[in-house]
Structures are given as C-alpha cells and as structure tokens.
PDB file of N, CA and C in Angstrom:
ATOM      1  N   MET A   1      87.438 102.338  99.059  1.00  0.00           N
ATOM      2  CA  MET A   1      86.459 103.394  98.920  1.00  0.00           C
ATOM      3  C   MET A   1      86.176 104.021 100.290  1.00  0.00           C
ATOM      4  N   GLN A   2      86.089 105.302 100.334  1.00  0.00           N
ATOM      5  CA  GLN A   2      85.854 106.049 101.567  1.00  0.00           C
ATOM      6  C   GLN A   2      84.357 106.303 101.768  1.00  0.00           C
ATOM      7  N   LYS A   3      83.953 106.243 103.018  1.00  0.00           N
ATOM      8  CA  LYS A   3      82.573 106.520 103.387  1.00  0.00           C
ATOM      9  C   LYS A   3      82.584 107.690 104.367  1.00  0.00           C
ATOM     10  N   GLN A   4      81.582 108.552 104.285  1.00  0.00           N
ATOM     11  CA  GLN A   4      81.496 109.644 105.248  1.00  0.00           C
ATOM     12  C   GLN A   4      80.777 109.156 106.498  1.00  0.00           C
ATOM     13  N   TYR A   5      81.362 109.468 107.635  1.00  0.00           N
ATOM     14  CA  TYR A   5      80.764 109.157 108.927  1.00  0.00           C
ATOM     15  C   TYR A   5      80.534 110.465 109.672  1.00  0.00           C
ATOM     16  N   LYS A   6      79.456 110.484 110.450  1.00  0.00           N
ATOM     17  CA  LYS A   6      79.149 111.626 111.299  1.00  0.00           C
ATOM     18  C   LYS A   6      78.835 111.108 112.688  1.00  0.00           C
ATOM     19  N   GLY A   7      79.086 111.939 113.674  1.00  0.00           N
ATOM     20  CA  GLY A   7      78.776 111.524 115.026  1.00  0.00           C
ATOM     21  C   GLY A   7      78.808 112.686 115.981  1.00  0.00           C
ATOM     22  N   GLY A   8      78.610 112.366 117.232  1.00  0.00           N
ATOM     23  CA  GLY A   8      78.639 113.403 118.243  1.00  0.00           C
ATOM     24  C   GLY A   8      78.371 112.851 119.627  1.00  0.00           C
ATOM     25  N   CYS A   9      78.348 113.753 120.570  1.00  0.00           N
ATOM     26  CA  CYS A   9      78.110 113.381 121.963  1.00  0.00           C
ATOM     27  C   CYS A   9      76.614 113.110 122.182  1.00  0.00           C
ATOM     28  N   HIS A  10      76.239 112.793 123.391  1.00  0.00           N
ATOM     29  CA  HIS A  10      74.857 112.463 123.718  1.00  0.00           C
ATOM     30  C   HIS A  10      73.911 113.647 123.553  1.00  0.00           C
ATOM     31  N   CYS A  11      74.330 114.835 123.991  1.00  0.00           N
ATOM     32  CA  CYS A  11      73.445 116.018 123.941  1.00  0.00           C
ATOM     33  C   CYS A  11      73.523 116.766 122.620  1.00  0.00           C
ATOM     34  N   GLY A  12      74.515 116.458 121.771  1.00  0.00           N
ATOM     35  CA  GLY A  12      74.639 117.090 120.464  1.00  0.00           C
ATOM     36  C   GLY A  12      75.461 118.371 120.430  1.00  0.00           C
ATOM     37  N   ALA A  13      76.017 118.774 121.553  1.00  0.00           N
ATOM     38  CA  ALA A  13      76.819 120.002 121.587  1.00  0.00           C
ATOM     39  C   ALA A  13      78.170 119.825 120.901  1.00  0.00           C
ATOM     40  N   VAL A  14      78.674 118.595 120.845  1.00  0.00           N
ATOM     41  CA  VAL A  14      79.942 118.291 120.159  1.00  0.00           C
ATOM     42  C   VAL A  14      79.619 117.356 119.002  1.00  0.00           C
ATOM     43  N   ARG A  15      80.012 117.743 117.792  1.00  0.00           N
ATOM     44  CA  ARG A  15      79.754 116.958 116.588  1.00  0.00           C
ATOM     45  C   ARG A  15      81.064 116.761 115.837  1.00  0.00           C
ATOM     46  N   PHE A  16      81.139 115.698 115.059  1.00  0.00           N
ATOM     47  CA  PHE A  16      82.319 115.468 114.232  1.00  0.00           C
ATOM     48  C   PHE A  16      81.925 114.716 112.970  1.00  0.00           C
ATOM     49  N   ALA A  17      82.801 114.776 111.974  1.00  0.00           N
ATOM     50  CA  ALA A  17      82.605 114.072 110.713  1.00  0.00           C
ATOM     51  C   ALA A  17      83.975 113.697 110.162  1.00  0.00           C
ATOM     52  N   PHE A  18      84.010 112.587 109.419  1.00  0.00           N
ATOM     53  CA  PHE A  18      85.259 112.138 108.811  1.00  0.00           C
ATOM     54  C   PHE A  18      84.952 111.152 107.697  1.00  0.00           C
ATOM     55  N   TYR A  19      85.927 110.919 106.845  1.00  0.00           N
ATOM     56  CA  TYR A  19      85.852 109.902 105.804  1.00  0.00           C
ATOM     57  C   TYR A  19      86.815 108.787 106.175  1.00  0.00           C
ATOM     58  N   ALA A  20      86.372 107.540 105.976  1.00  0.00           N
ATOM     59  CA  ALA A  20      87.210 106.376 106.257  1.00  0.00           C
ATOM     60  C   ALA A  20      86.655 105.191 105.473  1.00  0.00           C
ATOM     61  N   PRO A  21      87.460 104.142 105.328  1.00  0.00           N
ATOM     62  CA  PRO A  21      86.905 102.920 104.761  1.00  0.00           C
ATOM     63  C   PRO A  21      85.789 102.404 105.680  1.00  0.00           C
ATOM     64  N   VAL A  22      84.991 101.480 105.166  1.00  0.00           N
ATOM     65  CA  VAL A  22      83.912 100.904 105.971  1.00  0.00           C
ATOM     66  C   VAL A  22      84.497 100.362 107.275  1.00  0.00           C
ATOM     67  N   ILE A  23      83.885 100.742 108.379  1.00  0.00           N
ATOM     68  CA  ILE A  23      84.372 100.328 109.699  1.00  0.00           C
ATOM     69  C   ILE A  23      83.878  98.919 109.984  1.00  0.00           C
ATOM     70  N   ARG A  24      84.820  97.997 110.153  1.00  0.00           N
ATOM     71  CA  ARG A  24      84.487  96.590 110.345  1.00  0.00           C
ATOM     72  C   ARG A  24      84.937  96.040 111.694  1.00  0.00           C
ATOM     73  N   GLU A  25      85.740  96.818 112.428  1.00  0.00           N
ATOM     74  CA  GLU A  25      86.182  96.384 113.755  1.00  0.00           C
ATOM     75  C   GLU A  25      86.543  97.608 114.580  1.00  0.00           C
ATOM     76  N   GLY A  26      86.614  97.387 115.871  1.00  0.00           N
ATOM     77  CA  GLY A  26      86.969  98.456 116.779  1.00  0.00           C
ATOM     78  C   GLY A  26      88.206  98.098 117.580  1.00  0.00           C
ATOM     79  N   LEU A  27      88.662  99.034 118.374  1.00  0.00           N
ATOM     80  CA  LEU A  27      89.881  98.865 119.146  1.00  0.00           C
ATOM     81  C   LEU A  27      89.605  99.205 120.604  1.00  0.00           C
ATOM     82  N   ARG A  28      90.079  98.369 121.484  1.00  0.00           N
ATOM     83  CA  ARG A  28      90.064  98.667 122.917  1.00  0.00           C
ATOM     84  C   ARG A  28      91.517  98.734 123.369  1.00  0.00           C
ATOM     85  N   CYS A  29      91.760  99.625 124.305  1.00  0.00           N
ATOM     86  CA  CYS A  29      93.101  99.823 124.827  1.00  0.00           C
ATOM     87  C   CYS A  29      93.092  99.497 126.316  1.00  0.00           C
ATOM     88  N   ASN A  30      94.202  98.965 126.806  1.00  0.00           N
ATOM     89  CA  ASN A  30      94.286  98.594 128.226  1.00  0.00           C
ATOM     90  C   ASN A  30      95.066  99.610 129.061  1.00  0.00           C
ATOM     91  N   CYS A  31      95.236 100.833 128.550  1.00  0.00           N
ATOM     92  CA  CYS A  31      95.882 101.860 129.383  1.00  0.00           C
ATOM     93  C   CYS A  31      94.908 102.265 130.493  1.00  0.00           C
ATOM     94  N   SER A  32      95.395 102.994 131.463  1.00  0.00           N
ATOM     95  CA  SER A  32      94.586 103.289 132.645  1.00  0.00           C
ATOM     96  C   SER A  32      93.310 104.073 132.350  1.00  0.00           C
ATOM     97  N   ILE A  33      93.328 105.010 131.430  1.00  0.00           N
ATOM     98  CA  ILE A  33      92.111 105.786 131.156  1.00  0.00           C
ATOM     99  C   ILE A  33      91.136 105.010 130.270  1.00  0.00           C
ATOM    100  N   CYS A  34      91.636 104.295 129.284  1.00  0.00           N
ATOM    101  CA  CYS A  34      90.751 103.567 128.377  1.00  0.00           C
ATOM    102  C   CYS A  34      90.017 102.436 129.093  1.00  0.00           C
ATOM    103  N   VAL A  35      90.684 101.765 130.004  1.00  0.00           N
ATOM    104  CA  VAL A  35      90.022 100.713 130.772  1.00  0.00           C
ATOM    105  C   VAL A  35      88.859 101.297 131.556  1.00  0.00           C
ATOM    106  N   LYS A  36      89.066 102.457 132.153  1.00  0.00           N
ATOM    107  CA  LYS A  36      88.017 103.076 132.971  1.00  0.00           C
ATOM    108  C   LYS A  36      86.861 103.630 132.142  1.00  0.00           C
ATOM    109  N   LYS A  37      87.147 104.191 130.954  1.00  0.00           N
ATOM    110  CA  LYS A  37      86.045 104.730 130.153  1.00  0.00           C
ATOM    111  C   LYS A  37      85.361 103.642 129.328  1.00  0.00           C
ATOM    112  N   GLY A  38      86.030 102.558 129.038  1.00  0.00           N
ATOM    113  CA  GLY A  38      85.406 101.412 128.387  1.00  0.00           C
ATOM    114  C   GLY A  38      84.916 101.632 126.972  1.00  0.00           C
ATOM    115  N   ALA A  39      85.364 102.653 126.302  1.00  0.00           N
ATOM    116  CA  ALA A  39      84.877 102.969 124.958  1.00  0.00           C
ATOM    117  C   ALA A  39      85.559 102.104 123.898  1.00  0.00           C
ATOM    118  N   LEU A  40      84.834 101.873 122.829  1.00  0.00           N
ATOM    119  CA  LEU A  40      85.393 101.207 121.657  1.00  0.00           C
ATOM    120  C   LEU A  40      85.783 102.308 120.681  1.00  0.00           C
ATOM    121  N   MET A  41      87.039 102.341 120.311  1.00  0.00           N
ATOM    122  CA  MET A  41      87.503 103.413 119.434  1.00  0.00           C
ATOM    123  C   MET A  41      87.899 102.883 118.068  1.00  0.00           C
ATOM    124  N   SER A  42      88.097 103.812 117.154  1.00  0.00           N
ATOM    125  CA  SER A  42      88.493 103.435 115.800  1.00  0.00           C
ATOM    126  C   SER A  42      89.851 102.749 115.837  1.00  0.00           C
ATOM    127  N   ASN A  43      90.017 101.768 114.959  1.00  0.00           N
ATOM    128  CA  ASN A  43      91.308 101.078 114.869  1.00  0.00           C
ATOM    129  C   ASN A  43      92.208 101.738 113.839  1.00  0.00           C
ATOM    130  N   PHE A  44      91.847 102.917 113.410  1.00  0.00           N
ATOM    131  CA  PHE A  44      92.630 103.704 112.464  1.00  0.00           C
ATOM    132  C   PHE A  44      92.805 105.107 113.043  1.00  0.00           C
ATOM    133  N   PHE A  45      93.803 105.797 112.535  1.00  0.00           N
ATOM    134  CA  PHE A  45      94.074 107.174 112.944  1.00  0.00           C
ATOM    135  C   PHE A  45      93.523 108.126 111.885  1.00  0.00           C
ATOM    136  N   LEU A  46      93.105 109.283 112.328  1.00  0.00           N
ATOM    137  CA  LEU A  46      92.677 110.348 111.416  1.00  0.00           C
ATOM    138  C   LEU A  46      93.648 111.509 111.542  1.00  0.00           C
ATOM    139  N   ALA A  47      94.136 111.995 110.405  1.00  0.00           N
ATOM    140  CA  ALA A  47      95.011 113.173 110.404  1.00  0.00           C
ATOM    141  C   ALA A  47      94.220 114.365 110.940  1.00  0.00           C
ATOM    142  N   PRO A  48      94.909 115.348 111.500  1.00  0.00           N
ATOM    143  CA  PRO A  48      94.218 116.516 112.069  1.00  0.00           C
ATOM    144  C   PRO A  48      93.230 117.187 111.105  1.00  0.00           C
ATOM    145  N   ASP A  49      93.565 117.248 109.828  1.00  0.00           N
ATOM    146  CA  ASP A  49      92.659 117.886 108.869  1.00  0.00           C
ATOM    147  C   ASP A  49      91.575 116.943 108.354  1.00  0.00           C
ATOM    148  N   ALA A  50      91.590 115.685 108.767  1.00  0.00           N
ATOM    149  CA  ALA A  50      90.603 114.702 108.313  1.00  0.00           C
ATOM    150  C   ALA A  50      89.400 114.595 109.252  1.00  0.00           C
ATOM    151  N   LEU A  51      89.493 115.173 110.430  1.00  0.00           N
ATOM    152  CA  LEU A  51      88.391 115.142 111.391  1.00  0.00           C
ATOM    153  C   LEU A  51      87.816 116.549 111.505  1.00  0.00           C
ATOM    154  N   GLN A  52      86.597 116.724 111.041  1.00  0.00           N
ATOM    155  CA  GLN A  52      85.933 118.020 111.156  1.00  0.00           C
ATOM    156  C   GLN A  52      85.170 118.036 112.477  1.00  0.00           C
ATOM    157  N   ILE A  53      85.508 118.980 113.323  1.00  0.00           N
ATOM    158  CA  ILE A  53      84.927 119.071 114.663  1.00  0.00           C
ATOM    159  C   ILE A  53      84.126 120.361 114.765  1.00  0.00           C
ATOM    160  N   THR A  54      82.907 120.242 115.283  1.00  0.00           N
ATOM    161  CA  THR A  54      82.123 121.434 115.602  1.00  0.00           C
ATOM    162  C   THR A  54      81.627 121.276 117.034  1.00  0.00           C
ATOM    163  N   ALA A  55      81.695 122.353 117.774  1.00  0.00           N
ATOM    164  CA  ALA A  55      81.256 122.337 119.172  1.00  0.00           C
ATOM    165  C   ALA A  55      80.619 123.668 119.513  1.00  0.00           C
ATOM    166  N   ASP A  56      79.495 123.595 120.224  1.00  0.00           N
ATOM    167  CA  ASP A  56      78.815 124.809 120.682  1.00  0.00           C
ATOM    168  C   ASP A  56      79.640 125.481 121.769  1.00  0.00           C
ATOM    169  N   GLY A  57      80.024 126.731 121.535  1.00  0.00           N
ATOM    170  CA  GLY A  57      80.728 127.506 122.558  1.00  0.00           C
ATOM    171  C   GLY A  57      81.891 126.773 123.176  1.00  0.00           C
ATOM    172  N   ALA A  58      81.895 126.696 124.479  1.00  0.00           N
ATOM    173  CA  ALA A  58      82.975 126.042 125.224  1.00  0.00           C
ATOM    174  C   ALA A  58      82.580 124.617 125.621  1.00  0.00           C
ATOM    175  N   SER A  59      81.804 123.933 124.783  1.00  0.00           N
ATOM    176  CA  SER A  59      81.319 122.583 125.107  1.00  0.00           C
ATOM    177  C   SER A  59      82.423 121.534 125.122  1.00  0.00           C
ATOM    178  N   LEU A  60      83.421 121.698 124.269  1.00  0.00           N
ATOM    179  CA  LEU A  60      84.472 120.700 124.142  1.00  0.00           C
ATOM    180  C   LEU A  60      85.581 120.945 125.160  1.00  0.00           C
ATOM    181  N   ALA A  61      85.833 119.938 125.975  1.00  0.00           N
ATOM    182  CA  ALA A  61      86.901 120.009 126.978  1.00  0.00           C
ATOM    183  C   ALA A  61      87.848 118.847 126.732  1.00  0.00           C
ATOM    184  N   SER A  62      89.016 118.907 127.355  1.00  0.00           N
ATOM    185  CA  SER A  62      89.970 117.811 127.190  1.00  0.00           C
ATOM    186  C   SER A  62      90.650 117.485 128.508  1.00  0.00           C
ATOM    187  N   TYR A  63      91.225 116.290 128.518  1.00  0.00           N
ATOM    188  CA  TYR A  63      91.929 115.800 129.697  1.00  0.00           C
ATOM    189  C   TYR A  63      93.235 115.177 129.233  1.00  0.00           C
ATOM    190  N   GLN A  64      94.319 115.494 129.915  1.00  0.00           N
ATOM    191  CA  GLN A  64      95.623 114.896 129.640  1.00  0.00           C
ATOM    192  C   GLN A  64      96.230 114.414 130.950  1.00  0.00           C
ATOM    193  N   PHE A  65      97.059 113.392 130.866  1.00  0.00           N
ATOM    194  CA  PHE A  65      97.753 112.881 132.039  1.00  0.00           C
ATOM    195  C   PHE A  65      99.067 112.253 131.605  1.00  0.00           C
ATOM    196  N   SER A  66      99.853 111.849 132.539  1.00  0.00           N
ATOM    197  CA  SER A  66     101.125 111.148 132.307  1.00  0.00           C
ATOM    198  C   SER A  66     102.032 111.927 131.352  1.00  0.00           C
ATOM    199  N   SER A  67     102.212 111.441 130.122  1.00  0.00           N
ATOM    200  CA  SER A  67     103.128 112.069 129.174  1.00  0.00           C
ATOM    201  C   SER A  67     102.570 113.355 128.565  1.00  0.00           C
ATOM    202  N   HIS A  68     101.292 113.618 128.694  1.00  0.00           N
ATOM    203  CA  HIS A  68     100.608 114.768 128.109  1.00  0.00           C
ATOM    204  C   HIS A  68     100.704 114.796 126.589  1.00  0.00           C
ATOM    205  N   ILE A  69     100.882 113.630 125.977  1.00  0.00           N
ATOM    206  CA  ILE A  69     100.864 113.535 124.517  1.00  0.00           C
ATOM    207  C   ILE A  69      99.434 113.287 124.046  1.00  0.00           C
ATOM    208  N   ALA A  70      98.777 112.282 124.615  1.00  0.00           N
ATOM    209  CA  ALA A  70      97.387 112.007 124.271  1.00  0.00           C
ATOM    210  C   ALA A  70      96.503 113.088 124.890  1.00  0.00           C
ATOM    211  N   GLU A  71      95.439 113.430 124.167  1.00  0.00           N
ATOM    212  CA  GLU A  71      94.483 114.411 124.679  1.00  0.00           C
ATOM    213  C   GLU A  71      93.086 113.856 124.439  1.00  0.00           C
ATOM    214  N   HIS A  72      92.379 113.590 125.515  1.00  0.00           N
ATOM    215  CA  HIS A  72      91.064 112.948 125.475  1.00  0.00           C
ATOM    216  C   HIS A  72      89.988 114.025 125.558  1.00  0.00           C
ATOM    217  N   TYR A  73      89.143 114.104 124.515  1.00  0.00           N
ATOM    218  CA  TYR A  73      88.127 115.149 124.431  1.00  0.00           C
ATOM    219  C   TYR A  73      86.771 114.617 124.875  1.00  0.00           C
ATOM    220  N   PHE A  74      86.006 115.487 125.535  1.00  0.00           N
ATOM    221  CA  PHE A  74      84.672 115.119 125.998  1.00  0.00           C
ATOM    222  C   PHE A  74      83.792 116.360 126.037  1.00  0.00           C
ATOM    223  N   CYS A  75      82.489 116.132 126.057  1.00  0.00           N
ATOM    224  CA  CYS A  75      81.533 117.223 126.129  1.00  0.00           C
ATOM    225  C   CYS A  75      81.366 117.649 127.583  1.00  0.00           C
ATOM    226  N   GLN A  76      81.487 118.938 127.834  1.00  0.00           N
ATOM    227  CA  GLN A  76      81.336 119.451 129.201  1.00  0.00           C
ATOM    228  C   GLN A  76      79.894 119.394 129.692  1.00  0.00           C
ATOM    229  N   HIS A  77      78.942 119.199 128.786  1.00  0.00           N
ATOM    230  CA  HIS A  77      77.540 119.152 129.193  1.00  0.00           C
ATOM    231  C   HIS A  77      77.101 117.733 129.554  1.00  0.00           C
ATOM    232  N   CYS A  78      77.314 116.783 128.646  1.00  0.00           N
ATOM    233  CA  CYS A  78      76.842 115.417 128.895  1.00  0.00           C
ATOM    234  C   CYS A  78      77.957 114.468 129.335  1.00  0.00           C
ATOM    235  N   GLY A  79      79.212 114.888 129.215  1.00  0.00           N
ATOM    236  CA  GLY A  79      80.337 114.091 129.697  1.00  0.00           C
ATOM    237  C   GLY A  79      80.843 113.006 128.762  1.00  0.00           C
ATOM    238  N   ILE A  80      80.281 112.894 127.585  1.00  0.00           N
ATOM    239  CA  ILE A  80      80.659 111.804 126.674  1.00  0.00           C
ATOM    240  C   ILE A  80      82.012 112.062 126.008  1.00  0.00           C
ATOM    241  N   TYR A  81      82.875 111.026 126.074  1.00  0.00           N
ATOM    242  CA  TYR A  81      84.159 111.026 125.354  1.00  0.00           C
ATOM    243  C   TYR A  81      83.848 110.817 123.879  1.00  0.00           C
ATOM    244  N   THR A  82      84.281 111.739 123.035  1.00  0.00           N
ATOM    245  CA  THR A  82      83.974 111.674 121.606  1.00  0.00           C
ATOM    246  C   THR A  82      85.153 111.241 120.732  1.00  0.00           C
ATOM    247  N   PHE A  83      86.346 111.700 121.073  1.00  0.00           N
ATOM    248  CA  PHE A  83      87.553 111.369 120.301  1.00  0.00           C
ATOM    249  C   PHE A  83      88.761 111.780 121.123  1.00  0.00           C
ATOM    250  N   HIS A  84      89.929 111.356 120.655  1.00  0.00           N
ATOM    251  CA  HIS A  84      91.158 111.776 121.344  1.00  0.00           C
ATOM    252  C   HIS A  84      92.315 111.877 120.363  1.00  0.00           C
ATOM    253  N   LYS A  85      93.286 112.698 120.723  1.00  0.00           N
ATOM    254  CA  LYS A  85      94.554 112.723 119.997  1.00  0.00           C
ATOM    255  C   LYS A  85      95.378 111.586 120.573  1.00  0.00           C
ATOM    256  N   ALA A  86      95.933 110.791 119.700  1.00  0.00           N
ATOM    257  CA  ALA A  86      96.576 109.539 120.093  1.00  0.00           C
ATOM    258  C   ALA A  86      98.016 109.706 120.558  1.00  0.00           C
ATOM    259  N   ARG A  87      98.390 108.892 121.496  1.00  0.00           N
ATOM    260  CA  ARG A  87      99.765 108.872 121.990  1.00  0.00           C
ATOM    261  C   ARG A  87     100.681 108.169 120.989  1.00  0.00           C
ATOM    262  N   ARG A  88     100.164 107.152 120.316  1.00  0.00           N
ATOM    263  CA  ARG A  88     100.987 106.387 119.366  1.00  0.00           C
ATOM    264  C   ARG A  88     101.256 107.138 118.067  1.00  0.00           C
ATOM    265  N   MET A  89     100.397 108.089 117.754  1.00  0.00           N
ATOM    266  CA  MET A  89     100.605 108.916 116.566  1.00  0.00           C
ATOM    267  C   MET A  89     100.216 110.346 116.947  1.00  0.00           C
ATOM    268  N   PRO A  90     101.128 111.056 117.600  1.00  0.00           N
ATOM    269  CA  PRO A  90     100.815 112.390 118.125  1.00  0.00           C
ATOM    270  C   PRO A  90     100.174 113.312 117.089  1.00  0.00           C
ATOM    271  N   GLY A  91      99.117 113.998 117.547  1.00  0.00           N
ATOM    272  CA  GLY A  91      98.403 114.933 116.691  1.00  0.00           C
ATOM    273  C   GLY A  91      97.293 114.305 115.873  1.00  0.00           C
ATOM    274  N   HIS A  92      97.302 112.986 115.738  1.00  0.00           N
ATOM    275  CA  HIS A  92      96.267 112.273 114.987  1.00  0.00           C
ATOM    276  C   HIS A  92      95.192 111.781 115.953  1.00  0.00           C
ATOM    277  N   TYR A  93      94.009 111.557 115.412  1.00  0.00           N
ATOM    278  CA  TYR A  93      92.853 111.221 116.232  1.00  0.00           C
ATOM    279  C   TYR A  93      92.389 109.777 116.073  1.00  0.00           C
ATOM    280  N   ARG A  94      91.739 109.292 117.123  1.00  0.00           N
ATOM    281  CA  ARG A  94      90.884 108.106 117.091  1.00  0.00           C
ATOM    282  C   ARG A  94      89.526 108.590 117.581  1.00  0.00           C
ATOM    283  N   VAL A  95      88.449 107.991 117.078  1.00  0.00           N
ATOM    284  CA  VAL A  95      87.109 108.401 117.487  1.00  0.00           C
ATOM    285  C   VAL A  95      86.437 107.300 118.300  1.00  0.00           C
ATOM    286  N   ASN A  96      85.518 107.709 119.157  1.00  0.00           N
ATOM    287  CA  ASN A  96      84.701 106.779 119.929  1.00  0.00           C
ATOM    288  C   ASN A  96      83.629 106.242 118.986  1.00  0.00           C
ATOM    289  N   LEU A  97      83.705 104.966 118.634  1.00  0.00           N
ATOM    290  CA  LEU A  97      82.770 104.394 117.674  1.00  0.00           C
ATOM    291  C   LEU A  97      81.342 104.361 118.202  1.00  0.00           C
ATOM    292  N   GLY A  98      81.169 104.411 119.502  1.00  0.00           N
ATOM    293  CA  GLY A  98      79.830 104.491 120.077  1.00  0.00           C
ATOM    294  C   GLY A  98      79.147 105.807 119.769  1.00  0.00           C
ATOM    295  N   CYS A  99      79.897 106.805 119.348  1.00  0.00           N
ATOM    296  CA  CYS A  99      79.355 108.126 118.999  1.00  0.00           C
ATOM    297  C   CYS A  99      79.072 108.275 117.516  1.00  0.00           C
ATOM    298  N   VAL A 100      79.405 107.267 116.711  1.00  0.00           N
ATOM    299  CA  VAL A 100      79.227 107.360 115.263  1.00  0.00           C
ATOM    300  C   VAL A 100      77.793 106.958 114.898  1.00  0.00           C
ATOM    301  N   GLU A 101      77.101 107.851 114.214  1.00  0.00           N
ATOM    302  CA  GLU A 101      75.708 107.612 113.824  1.00  0.00           C
ATOM    303  C   GLU A 101      75.582 106.417 112.891  1.00  0.00           C
ATOM    304  N   GLY A 102      74.592 105.576 113.138  1.00  0.00           N
ATOM    305  CA  GLY A 102      74.296 104.451 112.263  1.00  0.00           C
ATOM    306  C   GLY A 102      75.248 103.280 112.379  1.00  0.00           C
ATOM    307  N   LEU A 103      76.182 103.321 113.302  1.00  0.00           N
ATOM    308  CA  LEU A 103      77.158 102.250 113.477  1.00  0.00           C
ATOM    309  C   LEU A 103      76.836 101.503 114.771  1.00  0.00           C
ATOM    310  N   ASP A 104      76.641 100.195 114.673  1.00  0.00           N
ATOM    311  CA  ASP A 104      76.368  99.389 115.860  1.00  0.00           C
ATOM    312  C   ASP A 104      77.706  98.940 116.450  1.00  0.00           C
ATOM    313  N   SER A 105      78.260  99.756 117.311  1.00  0.00           N
ATOM    314  CA  SER A 105      79.594  99.480 117.858  1.00  0.00           C
ATOM    315  C   SER A 105      79.611  98.217 118.714  1.00  0.00           C
ATOM    316  N   LEU A 106      78.471  97.816 119.261  1.00  0.00           N
ATOM    317  CA  LEU A 106      78.428  96.617 120.108  1.00  0.00           C
ATOM    318  C   LEU A 106      78.529  95.331 119.290  1.00  0.00           C
ATOM    319  N   SER A 107      78.310  95.407 117.978  1.00  0.00           N
ATOM    320  CA  SER A 107      78.375  94.207 117.140  1.00  0.00           C
ATOM    321  C   SER A 107      79.728  94.024 116.461  1.00  0.00           C
ATOM    322  N   LEU A 108      80.631  94.977 116.622  1.00  0.00           N
ATOM    323  CA  LEU A 108      81.920  94.918 115.931  1.00  0.00           C
ATOM    324  C   LEU A 108      82.917  94.007 116.646  1.00  0.00           C
ATOM    325  N   PRO A 109      83.725  93.260 115.894  1.00  0.00           N
ATOM    326  CA  PRO A 109      84.836  92.536 116.510  1.00  0.00           C
ATOM    327  C   PRO A 109      85.805  93.545 117.116  1.00  0.00           C
ATOM    328  N   VAL A 110      86.497  93.121 118.148  1.00  0.00           N
ATOM    329  CA  VAL A 110      87.372  94.023 118.896  1.00  0.00           C
ATOM    330  C   VAL A 110      88.821  93.545 118.854  1.00  0.00           C
ATOM    331  N   VAL A 111      89.729  94.481 118.598  1.00  0.00           N
ATOM    332  CA  VAL A 111      91.173  94.251 118.672  1.00  0.00           C
ATOM    333  C   VAL A 111      91.666  94.932 119.943  1.00  0.00           C
ATOM    334  N   LEU A 112      92.581  94.309 120.660  1.00  0.00           N
ATOM    335  CA  LEU A 112      93.119  94.900 121.880  1.00  0.00           C
ATOM    336  C   LEU A 112      94.490  95.515 121.610  1.00  0.00           C
ATOM    337  N   ALA A 113      94.644  96.774 122.013  1.00  0.00           N
ATOM    338  CA  ALA A 113      95.930  97.461 121.896  1.00  0.00           C
ATOM    339  C   ALA A 113      96.550  97.514 123.290  1.00  0.00           C
ATOM    340  N   ASP A 114      97.813  97.201 123.382  1.00  0.00           N
ATOM    341  CA  ASP A 114      98.499  97.202 124.672  1.00  0.00           C
ATOM    342  C   ASP A 114      99.063  98.583 124.955  1.00  0.00           C
ATOM    343  N   GLY A 115      98.194  99.504 125.339  1.00  0.00           N
ATOM    344  CA  GLY A 115      98.595 100.850 125.669  1.00  0.00           C
ATOM    345  C   GLY A 115      99.254 100.959 127.035  1.00  0.00           C
ATOM    346  N   ALA A 116      99.077  99.942 127.870  1.00  0.00           N
ATOM    347  CA  ALA A 116      99.672  99.952 129.207  1.00  0.00           C
ATOM    348  C   ALA A 116     101.190  99.823 129.128  1.00  0.00           C
ATOM    349  N   LEU A 117     101.701  99.215 128.080  1.00  0.00           N
ATOM    350  CA  LEU A 117     103.145  99.025 127.936  1.00  0.00           C
ATOM    351  C   LEU A 117     103.790 100.078 127.050  1.00  0.00           C
ATOM    352  N   PHE A 118     103.001 100.976 126.491  1.00  0.00           N
ATOM    353  CA  PHE A 118     103.515 101.970 125.563  1.00  0.00           C
ATOM    354  C   PHE A 118     104.357 103.002 126.271  1.00  0.00           C
TER     355      PHE A 118
END
C-alpha cells in the first residue's frame, strides 16, 4: 500500500511530495558528498514523474561533480539538501528523509550504500 509523503526545505521555499510504501529505514552513502552532508536518504528510488517538486522562483539550485550523473538539489535560501537525482539510477530521485514531514528520520534503522566504489 502506498502512502503520500510531503516535505520541504527549512524555509519552505522548496517543497516536494511523493507516494511510497511506509518508510521503515533510511540509507546513508559513503561517497565524498554524502559523507560531508550527513543526510539520511530514502532507500528507494522515485521515477521522475513520481516526485512532485514545487519551488518559489529560483529557490532550487543543484550541484554536480565527478561524473555529472548525480545532481544534488538544495534550497538557495536556507541551504538544505532536499533530494537528488541518483547516480545508480540516472534520472531517478532519492529524498532527504530529514525533510519529510511527520517522519522521525533519527529513529530509523540505517543501511549503508558503498557509493565510494561506484
């Protein structure tokens, strides 16, 4: 069964929504950017049409490095990483579970993805 989730950045300029099964665990990656941002992300991918994104004006910015396949999105106002297009499944998204409303991301079990070797 799918549940609707909503979330956004700290200041509210970037918002998103998606449907997914009940979120029971999160994913941490050991690649160079994920280690530095320390976010817990979804352990599932969202197809491009499955993530509804709304952003005020030019609030949504992105950062790419290395292979330029992954694209990490953040709010230009508050700086919060909200979601990214994944390197392991190009064009598909993972979301920052800390940005999901009503979800206690600090209580979730964590799976480690070896993005450093990808």
